[in-house]
C-alpha atoms as a PDB file:
ATOM      1  CA  MET A   1     -18.706 -12.089   8.001  1.00  0.00           C
ATOM      2  CA  ARG A   2     -17.299 -14.655  10.186  1.00  0.00           C
ATOM      3  CA  GLN A   3     -20.181 -14.340  13.299  1.00  0.00           C
ATOM      4  CA  TRP A   4     -18.700 -14.722  17.405  1.00  0.00           C
ATOM      5  CA  THR A   5     -20.597 -15.456  20.416  1.00  0.00           C
ATOM      6  CA  LEU A   6     -19.533 -13.401  22.644  1.00  0.00           C
ATOM      7  CA  GLN A   7     -18.272 -16.448  25.109  1.00  0.00           C
ATOM      8  CA  ASP A   8     -15.777 -17.417  22.187  1.00  0.00           C
ATOM      9  CA  ALA A   9     -15.417 -13.946  20.988  1.00  0.00           C
ATOM     10  CA  LYS A  10     -13.564 -13.448  24.625  1.00  0.00           C
ATOM     11  CA  GLU A  11     -11.646 -17.044  24.337  1.00  0.00           C
ATOM     12  CA  SER A  12     -10.687 -16.200  20.787  1.00  0.00           C
ATOM     13  CA  LEU A  13      -9.566 -12.129  21.170  1.00  0.00           C
ATOM     14  CA  SER A  14      -6.579 -12.442  19.569  1.00  0.00           C
ATOM     15  CA  GLU A  15      -7.639 -14.154  16.919  1.00  0.00           C
ATOM     16  CA  LEU A  16     -10.242 -11.622  16.214  1.00  0.00           C
ATOM     17  CA  VAL A  17      -8.500  -8.973  16.318  1.00  0.00           C
ATOM     18  CA  ARG A  18      -6.827 -10.713  13.336  1.00  0.00           C
ATOM     19  CA  LEU A  19      -9.060 -11.825  11.341  1.00  0.00           C
ATOM     20  CA  ALA A  20     -10.684  -7.732  11.321  1.00  0.00           C
ATOM     21  CA  ALA A  21      -7.363  -6.380  10.715  1.00  0.00           C
ATOM     22  CA  GLY A  22      -7.175  -8.060   7.972  1.00  0.00           C
ATOM     23  CA  HIS A  23     -10.242  -6.576   6.341  1.00  0.00           C
ATOM     24  CA  GLU A  24     -12.929  -9.443   7.752  1.00  0.00           C
ATOM     25  CA  PRO A  25     -15.571  -7.708   9.249  1.00  0.00           C
ATOM     26  CA  GLN A  26     -16.285  -9.948  12.397  1.00  0.00           C
ATOM     27  CA  GLU A  27     -19.888 -10.002  14.266  1.00  0.00           C
ATOM     28  CA  ILE A  28     -20.453 -10.629  17.742  1.00  0.00           C
ATOM     29  CA  ILE A  29     -23.808 -12.532  18.816  1.00  0.00           C
ATOM     30  CA  VAL A  30     -25.589 -11.372  22.043  1.00  0.00           C
ATOM     31  CA  HIS A  31     -28.664 -12.881  23.758  1.00  0.00           C
ATOM     32  CA  ASP A  32     -28.567 -14.506  20.122  1.00  0.00           C
ATOM     33  CA  GLU A  33     -29.425 -11.226  18.393  1.00  0.00           C
ATOM     34  CA  PRO A  34     -26.057  -9.325  16.096  1.00  0.00           C
ATOM     35  CA  ALA A  35     -24.764  -7.078  18.920  1.00  0.00           C
ATOM     36  CA  VAL A  36     -21.583  -5.315  17.170  1.00  0.00           C
ATOM     37  CA  VAL A  37     -19.338  -5.763  14.650  1.00  0.00           C
ATOM     38  CA  ILE A  38     -15.398  -5.882  14.576  1.00  0.00           C
ATOM     39  CA  LEU A  39     -13.881  -3.329  11.742  1.00  0.00           C
ATOM     40  CA  SER A  40     -10.109  -2.812  10.697  1.00  0.00           C
ATOM     41  CA  ARG A  41      -8.596   0.518  11.457  1.00  0.00           C
ATOM     42  CA  ALA A  42      -8.748   1.417   7.591  1.00  0.00           C
ATOM     43  CA  ALA A  43     -12.231   0.228   6.781  1.00  0.00           C
ATOM     44  CA  TYR A  44     -13.640   2.405   9.561  1.00  0.00           C
ATOM     45  CA  ASP A  45     -11.577   4.900   9.206  1.00  0.00           C
ATOM     46  CA  ALA A  46     -13.171   4.738   5.556  1.00  0.00           C
ATOM     47  CA  LEU A  47     -17.314   5.119   7.200  1.00  0.00           C
ATOM     48  CA  ILE A  48     -16.924   7.929   8.758  1.00  0.00           C
ATOM     49  CA  LYS A  49     -14.743   9.914   7.020  1.00  0.00           C
ATOM     50  CA  PRO A  50     -16.803  13.346   5.688  1.00  0.00           C
ATOM     51  CA  ARG A  51     -18.649  13.327   2.336  1.00  0.00           C
ATOM     52  CA  GLN A  52     -17.408  15.800  -0.317  1.00  0.00           C
ATOM     53  CA  SER A  53     -20.669  17.615  -0.545  1.00  0.00           C
ATOM     54  CA  PHE A  54     -22.238  18.946  -3.741  1.00  0.00           C
ATOM     55  CA  VAL A  55     -20.194  22.534  -3.993  1.00  0.00           C
ATOM     56  CA  GLU A  56     -17.234  21.474  -3.194  1.00  0.00           C
ATOM     57  CA  LEU A  57     -17.628  18.605  -6.081  1.00  0.00           C
ATOM     58  CA  ILE A  58     -18.711  21.173  -8.305  1.00  0.00           C
ATOM     59  CA  ARG A  59     -15.936  23.376  -7.301  1.00  0.00           C
ATOM     60  CA  SER A  60     -13.009  20.298  -7.652  1.00  0.00           C
ATOM     61  CA  SER A  61     -14.315  19.940 -11.481  1.00  0.00           C
ATOM     62  CA  PRO A  62     -11.159  20.732 -13.602  1.00  0.00           C
ATOM     63  CA  LEU A  63     -14.487  22.563 -15.435  1.00  0.00           C
ATOM     64  CA  TYR A  64     -14.775  25.285 -12.181  1.00  0.00           C
ATOM     65  CA  GLY A  65     -14.045  28.827 -13.081  1.00  0.00           C
ATOM     66  CA  ALA A  66     -13.552  27.682 -16.683  1.00  0.00           C
ATOM     67  CA  ASP A  67     -15.379  30.512 -19.669  1.00  0.00           C
ATOM     68  CA  ASP A  68     -15.585  28.581 -22.440  1.00  0.00           C
ATOM     69  CA  VAL A  69     -17.214  25.805 -21.895  1.00  0.00           C
ATOM     70  CA  GLU A  70     -21.007  26.175 -23.740  1.00  0.00           C
ATOM     71  CA  PHE A  71     -23.831  23.465 -22.312  1.00  0.00           C
ATOM     72  CA  PRO A  72     -25.916  22.930 -26.115  1.00  0.00           C
ATOM     73  CA  ARG A  73     -29.899  23.725 -25.749  1.00  0.00           C
ATOM     74  CA  ASP A  74     -32.211  21.287 -26.927  1.00  0.00           C
ATOM     75  CA  LYS A  75     -33.774  22.842 -30.409  1.00  0.00           C
ATOM     76  CA  SER A  76     -36.340  20.100 -30.547  1.00  0.00           C
ATOM     77  CA  LEU A  77     -39.962  21.034 -30.167  1.00  0.00           C
ATOM     78  CA  THR A  78     -42.922  19.529 -26.960  1.00  0.00           C
ATOM     79  CA  ARG A  79     -44.191  16.392 -27.873  1.00  0.00           C
ATOM     80  CA  GLU A  80     -47.548  16.227 -27.086  1.00  0.00           C
ATOM     81  CA  ILE A  81     -48.914  13.674 -23.996  1.00  0.00           C
ATOM     82  CA  ASP A  82     -52.641  11.898 -23.024  1.00  0.00           C
ATOM     83  CA  LEU A  83     -53.820  12.845 -20.475  1.00  0.00           C
END
């Protein structure tokens, strides 16, 4: 990720935007501290996209609602542990 001082970012805004639009995040430094990151719209949209809940994930499974799915149980004996 390329870093820019605020002054350089102001002077080269079109280049900064072109690079960010090409999916290369650009970081702007203010007073020797990282302040902001400029992203492409596609990268921003991917970051804010709502994530699927666990329930939605299960419901989107091709196995959801299937009656013939079997989960065999492990019938092995328990093992001893040292305390």
